[in-house]
């Protein structure tokens, strides 16, 4: 039994990226994982992905583009206010305006730049650059 399925999935994606694979299969999946992968797809870090098993836990096939330098889950899930995003950008991202932090807010899962624009805080889930 896995305790943090998001961390395991992002680790699996990173391992496949380092091995220059084109496809990565994730098992089990979750709604949070799907939302994070939608954000990564929107920012062109990964290609398309599809769920192909409706069995317990489900499975997901992700097409990799080779655009990821690093991706990972942030544990513990730090609570962040709007004015604290810069501190965590410096901690997890290599430079200003490079990469994204994925944040879970009361308005849904979004990137840190969207959260700043909407003036909402939340909990940090993952980073990618």
Protein backbone atom coordinates (compact mmCIF):
# COMPACT_ATOMS: atom_id res chain seq x y z
CA UNK A 1 0.00 0.00 0.00
CA UNK A 2 1.33 3.39 -1.00
CA UNK A 3 0.91 6.29 1.36
CA UNK A 4 1.43 9.10 -1.16
CA UNK A 5 0.28 8.09 -4.63
CA UNK A 6 1.04 11.54 -6.09
CA UNK A 7 4.67 11.36 -4.95
CA UNK A 8 5.01 7.84 -6.36
CA UNK A 9 3.49 8.89 -9.71
CA UNK A 10 5.72 11.96 -10.07
CA UNK A 11 8.76 9.89 -9.15
CA UNK A 12 7.76 7.35 -11.81
CA UNK A 13 7.40 10.13 -14.41
CA UNK A 14 10.82 11.53 -13.48
CA UNK A 15 12.45 8.10 -13.76
CA UNK A 16 10.91 7.56 -17.21
CA UNK A 17 12.06 11.04 -18.31
CA UNK A 18 15.64 10.32 -17.22
CA UNK A 19 15.56 7.02 -19.14
CA UNK A 20 14.27 8.87 -22.26
CA UNK A 21 11.10 6.80 -22.42
CA UNK A 22 8.15 8.08 -24.45
CA UNK A 23 5.34 6.48 -22.41
CA UNK A 24 4.82 6.10 -18.68
CA UNK A 25 2.13 3.98 -17.00
CA UNK A 26 0.87 5.06 -13.58
CA UNK A 27 -1.06 2.78 -11.27
CA UNK A 28 -3.09 3.60 -9.08
CA UNK A 29 -4.52 7.01 -9.99
CA UNK A 30 -6.52 9.65 -8.15
CA UNK A 31 -8.50 12.81 -8.90
CA UNK A 32 -5.69 14.98 -7.52
CA UNK A 33 -3.18 13.21 -9.74
CA UNK A 34 -5.37 13.81 -12.81
CA UNK A 35 -5.65 17.51 -11.97
CA UNK A 36 -1.87 17.83 -11.53
CA UNK A 37 -1.25 16.09 -14.86
CA UNK A 38 -3.79 18.39 -16.57
CA UNK A 39 -1.78 21.38 -15.35
CA UNK A 40 1.50 19.84 -16.51
CA UNK A 41 -0.10 19.12 -19.89
CA UNK A 42 -1.37 22.72 -20.16
CA UNK A 43 2.16 24.01 -19.54
CA UNK A 44 3.70 21.57 -22.08
CA UNK A 45 5.71 19.51 -19.59
CA UNK A 46 3.95 16.28 -20.58
CA UNK A 47 1.92 15.20 -23.59
CA UNK A 48 -1.54 13.74 -23.57
CA UNK A 49 -2.63 11.20 -20.99
CA UNK A 50 -5.52 8.80 -20.81
CA UNK A 51 -7.17 6.52 -18.31
CA UNK A 52 -7.49 3.06 -19.70
CA UNK A 53 -8.61 0.94 -16.77
CA UNK A 54 -11.70 1.43 -14.69
CA UNK A 55 -10.67 -1.27 -12.23
CA UNK A 56 -9.97 -0.45 -8.61
CA UNK A 57 -7.33 2.25 -8.47
CA UNK A 58 -7.33 2.72 -12.23
CA UNK A 59 -4.36 3.16 -14.54
CA UNK A 60 -3.12 6.08 -16.57
CA UNK A 61 -0.90 6.17 -19.66
CA UNK A 62 1.13 9.37 -20.05
CA UNK A 63 2.94 10.40 -23.23
CA UNK A 64 6.20 12.12 -22.32
CA UNK A 65 7.68 14.96 -24.37
CA UNK A 66 11.14 15.16 -22.79
CA UNK A 67 10.50 18.69 -21.46
CA UNK A 68 10.87 17.92 -17.74
CA UNK A 69 14.12 18.71 -15.95
CA UNK A 70 12.75 17.91 -12.50
CA UNK A 71 9.36 17.09 -11.04
CA UNK A 72 8.36 16.02 -7.56
CA UNK A 73 5.82 16.14 -4.79
CA UNK A 74 6.23 18.59 -1.94
CA UNK A 75 6.00 16.88 1.42
CA UNK A 76 4.91 17.95 3.93
CA UNK A 77 2.16 19.85 2.15
CA UNK A 78 3.00 23.37 3.31
CA UNK A 79 0.15 25.82 3.83
CA UNK A 80 0.96 28.99 1.88
CA UNK A 81 -0.54 32.45 2.02
CA UNK A 82 -0.52 34.73 -1.02
CA UNK A 83 2.43 36.80 0.19
CA UNK A 84 4.56 33.68 0.94
CA UNK A 85 4.73 32.23 -2.59
CA UNK A 86 8.09 33.89 -3.31
CA UNK A 87 9.78 32.04 -0.45
CA UNK A 88 8.69 28.68 -1.84
CA UNK A 89 9.52 29.68 -5.43
CA UNK A 90 13.10 30.29 -4.28
CA UNK A 91 13.15 26.97 -2.44
CA UNK A 92 11.75 24.66 -5.14
CA UNK A 93 12.27 26.39 -8.51
CA UNK A 94 15.66 27.14 -10.13
CA UNK A 95 14.98 30.76 -11.19
CA UNK A 96 12.31 33.41 -11.33
CA UNK A 97 9.58 32.66 -13.91
CA UNK A 98 10.99 29.15 -14.56
CA UNK A 99 8.72 26.23 -13.70
CA UNK A 100 5.49 25.93 -11.77
CA UNK A 101 4.37 25.16 -8.25
CA UNK A 102 1.08 23.25 -8.08
CA UNK A 103 -1.20 24.52 -5.33
CA UNK A 104 -4.44 23.09 -3.95
CA UNK A 105 -6.77 25.97 -3.10
CA UNK A 106 -10.40 26.27 -2.13
CA UNK A 107 -11.05 27.24 -5.78
CA UNK A 108 -9.41 24.09 -7.16
CA UNK A 109 -5.93 22.93 -8.10
CA UNK A 110 -3.91 25.59 -9.94
CA UNK A 111 -0.40 26.94 -10.47
CA UNK A 112 1.14 29.44 -8.09
CA UNK A 113 0.90 32.26 -10.67
CA UNK A 114 -2.85 31.69 -11.06
CA UNK A 115 -3.22 31.62 -7.27
CA UNK A 116 -1.36 34.95 -7.02
CA UNK A 117 -3.62 36.49 -9.66
CA UNK A 118 -6.75 35.25 -7.86
CA UNK A 119 -5.27 36.31 -4.51
CA UNK A 120 -5.78 32.92 -2.82
CA UNK A 121 -3.50 30.74 -0.77
CA UNK A 122 -3.52 26.99 -0.32
CA UNK A 123 -1.37 23.92 0.15
CA UNK A 124 1.64 23.12 -2.01
CA UNK A 125 1.34 19.79 -3.85
CA UNK A 126 4.15 19.59 -6.42
CA UNK A 127 6.76 21.44 -8.47
CA UNK A 128 7.92 21.06 -12.05
CA UNK A 129 10.52 22.75 -14.24
